[in-house]
């Protein structure tokens, strides 16, 4: 019998799912933690990374082991500039921007 792969030929769910444009909160402090025993100095004009940012989720994707990542666009600020960033963010660092509506 011919080998058919590690999934035994079972159907798989799609690896990428488009979701339109959903508002999400991204915890950049969790996504980019300081190194242990960090002793840097405060830079008031630096990137505003130690906070939660509002972003737009457009797609979910899975890595080869099944973990979910969201394709998110958000803006990072620094003194006189703002930069729009789009990248894949682990699902654990994302939350819906608005709570789901409660049934009545």
C-alpha atoms as a PDB file:
ATOM      1  CA  UNK A   1       0.000   0.000   0.000  1.00  0.00           C
ATOM      2  CA  UNK A   2       1.246   3.486  -0.862  1.00  0.00           C
ATOM      3  CA  UNK A   3       1.946   5.912   2.026  1.00  0.00           C
ATOM      4  CA  UNK A   4      -0.556   8.788   2.013  1.00  0.00           C
ATOM      5  CA  UNK A   5       0.931  11.114   4.633  1.00  0.00           C
ATOM      6  CA  UNK A   6       0.717  11.751   8.355  1.00  0.00           C
ATOM      7  CA  UNK A   7      -2.938  12.775   8.343  1.00  0.00           C
ATOM      8  CA  UNK A   8      -4.144   9.330   7.154  1.00  0.00           C
ATOM      9  CA  UNK A   9      -5.958  11.060   4.308  1.00  0.00           C
ATOM     10  CA  UNK A  10      -8.447  12.747   6.646  1.00  0.00           C
ATOM     11  CA  UNK A  11     -10.031  16.006   5.442  1.00  0.00           C
ATOM     12  CA  UNK A  12      -8.537  19.135   6.970  1.00  0.00           C
ATOM     13  CA  UNK A  13     -10.043  22.483   7.791  1.00  0.00           C
ATOM     14  CA  UNK A  14      -8.637  25.407   5.778  1.00  0.00           C
ATOM     15  CA  UNK A  15      -5.414  26.924   7.112  1.00  0.00           C
ATOM     16  CA  UNK A  16      -6.579  30.501   6.365  1.00  0.00           C
ATOM     17  CA  UNK A  17      -9.963  32.086   7.085  1.00  0.00           C
ATOM     18  CA  UNK A  18     -10.835  35.625   5.982  1.00  0.00           C
ATOM     19  CA  UNK A  19     -13.026  37.496   8.471  1.00  0.00           C
ATOM     20  CA  UNK A  20     -13.640  40.870   6.829  1.00  0.00           C
ATOM     21  CA  UNK A  21     -12.597  43.754   9.104  1.00  0.00           C
ATOM     22  CA  UNK A  22     -13.016  43.080  12.836  1.00  0.00           C
ATOM     23  CA  UNK A  23     -11.875  45.450  15.594  1.00  0.00           C
ATOM     24  CA  UNK A  24      -9.485  43.772  18.044  1.00  0.00           C
ATOM     25  CA  UNK A  25      -7.293  44.776  20.965  1.00  0.00           C
ATOM     26  CA  UNK A  26      -3.629  43.732  20.754  1.00  0.00           C
ATOM     27  CA  UNK A  27      -1.664  43.373  23.981  1.00  0.00           C
ATOM     28  CA  UNK A  28       1.752  44.534  22.775  1.00  0.00           C
ATOM     29  CA  UNK A  29       3.194  44.356  26.282  1.00  0.00           C
ATOM     30  CA  UNK A  30       2.542  40.593  26.290  1.00  0.00           C
ATOM     31  CA  UNK A  31       3.640  40.204  22.676  1.00  0.00           C
ATOM     32  CA  UNK A  32       6.930  42.081  23.200  1.00  0.00           C
ATOM     33  CA  UNK A  33       7.941  41.553  26.842  1.00  0.00           C
ATOM     34  CA  UNK A  34      11.053  43.124  28.329  1.00  0.00           C
ATOM     35  CA  UNK A  35      14.047  40.869  28.767  1.00  0.00           C
ATOM     36  CA  UNK A  36      14.492  39.526  32.316  1.00  0.00           C
ATOM     37  CA  UNK A  37      16.359  41.988  34.561  1.00  0.00           C
ATOM     38  CA  UNK A  38      15.904  44.741  31.961  1.00  0.00           C
ATOM     39  CA  UNK A  39      17.673  47.913  33.072  1.00  0.00           C
ATOM     40  CA  UNK A  40      17.120  50.274  30.118  1.00  0.00           C
ATOM     41  CA  UNK A  41      16.385  53.955  30.540  1.00  0.00           C
ATOM     42  CA  UNK A  42      13.106  55.736  29.851  1.00  0.00           C
ATOM     43  CA  UNK A  43      12.811  57.231  26.338  1.00  0.00           C
ATOM     44  CA  UNK A  44       9.735  59.499  26.203  1.00  0.00           C
ATOM     45  CA  UNK A  45      10.096  59.870  22.402  1.00  0.00           C
ATOM     46  CA  UNK A  46      10.343  56.102  21.791  1.00  0.00           C
ATOM     47  CA  UNK A  47       7.846  53.584  20.454  1.00  0.00           C
ATOM     48  CA  UNK A  48       4.686  53.223  22.522  1.00  0.00           C
ATOM     49  CA  UNK A  49       4.867  49.420  22.843  1.00  0.00           C
ATOM     50  CA  UNK A  50       3.932  48.935  26.519  1.00  0.00           C
ATOM     51  CA  UNK A  51       0.186  49.186  26.042  1.00  0.00           C
ATOM     52  CA  UNK A  52      -2.878  47.676  24.412  1.00  0.00           C
ATOM     53  CA  UNK A  53      -3.586  48.937  20.897  1.00  0.00           C
ATOM     54  CA  UNK A  54      -6.707  48.920  18.754  1.00  0.00           C
ATOM     55  CA  UNK A  55      -6.246  47.042  15.487  1.00  0.00           C
ATOM     56  CA  UNK A  56      -8.134  45.556  12.554  1.00  0.00           C
ATOM     57  CA  UNK A  57      -8.201  41.787  12.125  1.00  0.00           C
ATOM     58  CA  UNK A  58      -8.674  40.666   8.505  1.00  0.00           C
ATOM     59  CA  UNK A  59      -7.710  36.993   8.521  1.00  0.00           C
ATOM     60  CA  UNK A  60      -6.976  34.007  10.746  1.00  0.00           C
ATOM     61  CA  UNK A  61      -4.221  31.580   9.839  1.00  0.00           C
ATOM     62  CA  UNK A  62      -2.899  28.397  11.424  1.00  0.00           C
ATOM     63  CA  UNK A  63       0.725  27.401  11.710  1.00  0.00           C
ATOM     64  CA  UNK A  64       1.869  23.894  10.824  1.00  0.00           C
ATOM     65  CA  UNK A  65       1.049  22.648  14.352  1.00  0.00           C
ATOM     66  CA  UNK A  66      -2.435  24.166  14.476  1.00  0.00           C
ATOM     67  CA  UNK A  67      -1.886  27.345  16.538  1.00  0.00           C
ATOM     68  CA  UNK A  68      -4.005  30.312  15.440  1.00  0.00           C
ATOM     69  CA  UNK A  69      -2.556  33.675  14.346  1.00  0.00           C
ATOM     70  CA  UNK A  70      -4.482  36.790  13.355  1.00  0.00           C
ATOM     71  CA  UNK A  71      -3.413  39.062  10.500  1.00  0.00           C
ATOM     72  CA  UNK A  72      -3.753  42.446  12.170  1.00  0.00           C
ATOM     73  CA  UNK A  73      -3.102  46.042  11.129  1.00  0.00           C
ATOM     74  CA  UNK A  74      -2.542  48.632  13.855  1.00  0.00           C
ATOM     75  CA  UNK A  75      -0.682  51.889  14.440  1.00  0.00           C
ATOM     76  CA  UNK A  76       2.359  52.282  16.674  1.00  0.00           C
ATOM     77  CA  UNK A  77       3.107  55.808  17.845  1.00  0.00           C
ATOM     78  CA  UNK A  78       6.330  57.541  18.798  1.00  0.00           C
ATOM     79  CA  UNK A  79       6.660  61.245  19.609  1.00  0.00           C
ATOM     80  CA  UNK A  80       5.995  62.913  16.213  1.00  0.00           C
ATOM     81  CA  UNK A  81       5.331  59.863  14.066  1.00  0.00           C
ATOM     82  CA  UNK A  82       2.858  57.074  13.612  1.00  0.00           C
ATOM     83  CA  UNK A  83       3.519  53.885  11.683  1.00  0.00           C
ATOM     84  CA  UNK A  84       0.923  51.468  10.398  1.00  0.00           C
ATOM     85  CA  UNK A  85       2.030  47.854  10.925  1.00  0.00           C
ATOM     86  CA  UNK A  86       0.516  44.654   9.524  1.00  0.00           C
ATOM     87  CA  UNK A  87       1.695  41.250  10.698  1.00  0.00           C
ATOM     88  CA  UNK A  88       0.619  37.881  12.095  1.00  0.00           C
ATOM     89  CA  UNK A  89      -0.099  38.062  15.836  1.00  0.00           C
ATOM     90  CA  UNK A  90      -0.598  34.960  18.026  1.00  0.00           C
ATOM     91  CA  UNK A  91      -4.252  34.471  18.912  1.00  0.00           C
ATOM     92  CA  UNK A  92      -3.516  34.631  22.659  1.00  0.00           C
ATOM     93  CA  UNK A  93      -2.454  38.310  22.275  1.00  0.00           C
ATOM     94  CA  UNK A  94      -5.770  39.343  20.650  1.00  0.00           C
ATOM     95  CA  UNK A  95      -9.185  40.115  22.152  1.00  0.00           C
ATOM     96  CA  UNK A  96     -12.393  41.443  20.563  1.00  0.00           C
ATOM     97  CA  UNK A  97     -12.565  45.229  20.859  1.00  0.00           C
ATOM     98  CA  UNK A  98     -16.238  45.113  21.806  1.00  0.00           C
ATOM     99  CA  UNK A  99     -17.843  42.543  24.061  1.00  0.00           C
ATOM    100  CA  UNK A 100     -20.295  40.236  22.294  1.00  0.00           C
ATOM    101  CA  UNK A 101     -23.933  41.260  22.535  1.00  0.00           C
ATOM    102  CA  UNK A 102     -25.798  39.521  25.347  1.00  0.00           C
ATOM    103  CA  UNK A 103     -28.968  37.656  24.378  1.00  0.00           C
ATOM    104  CA  UNK A 104     -32.163  39.200  25.668  1.00  0.00           C
END
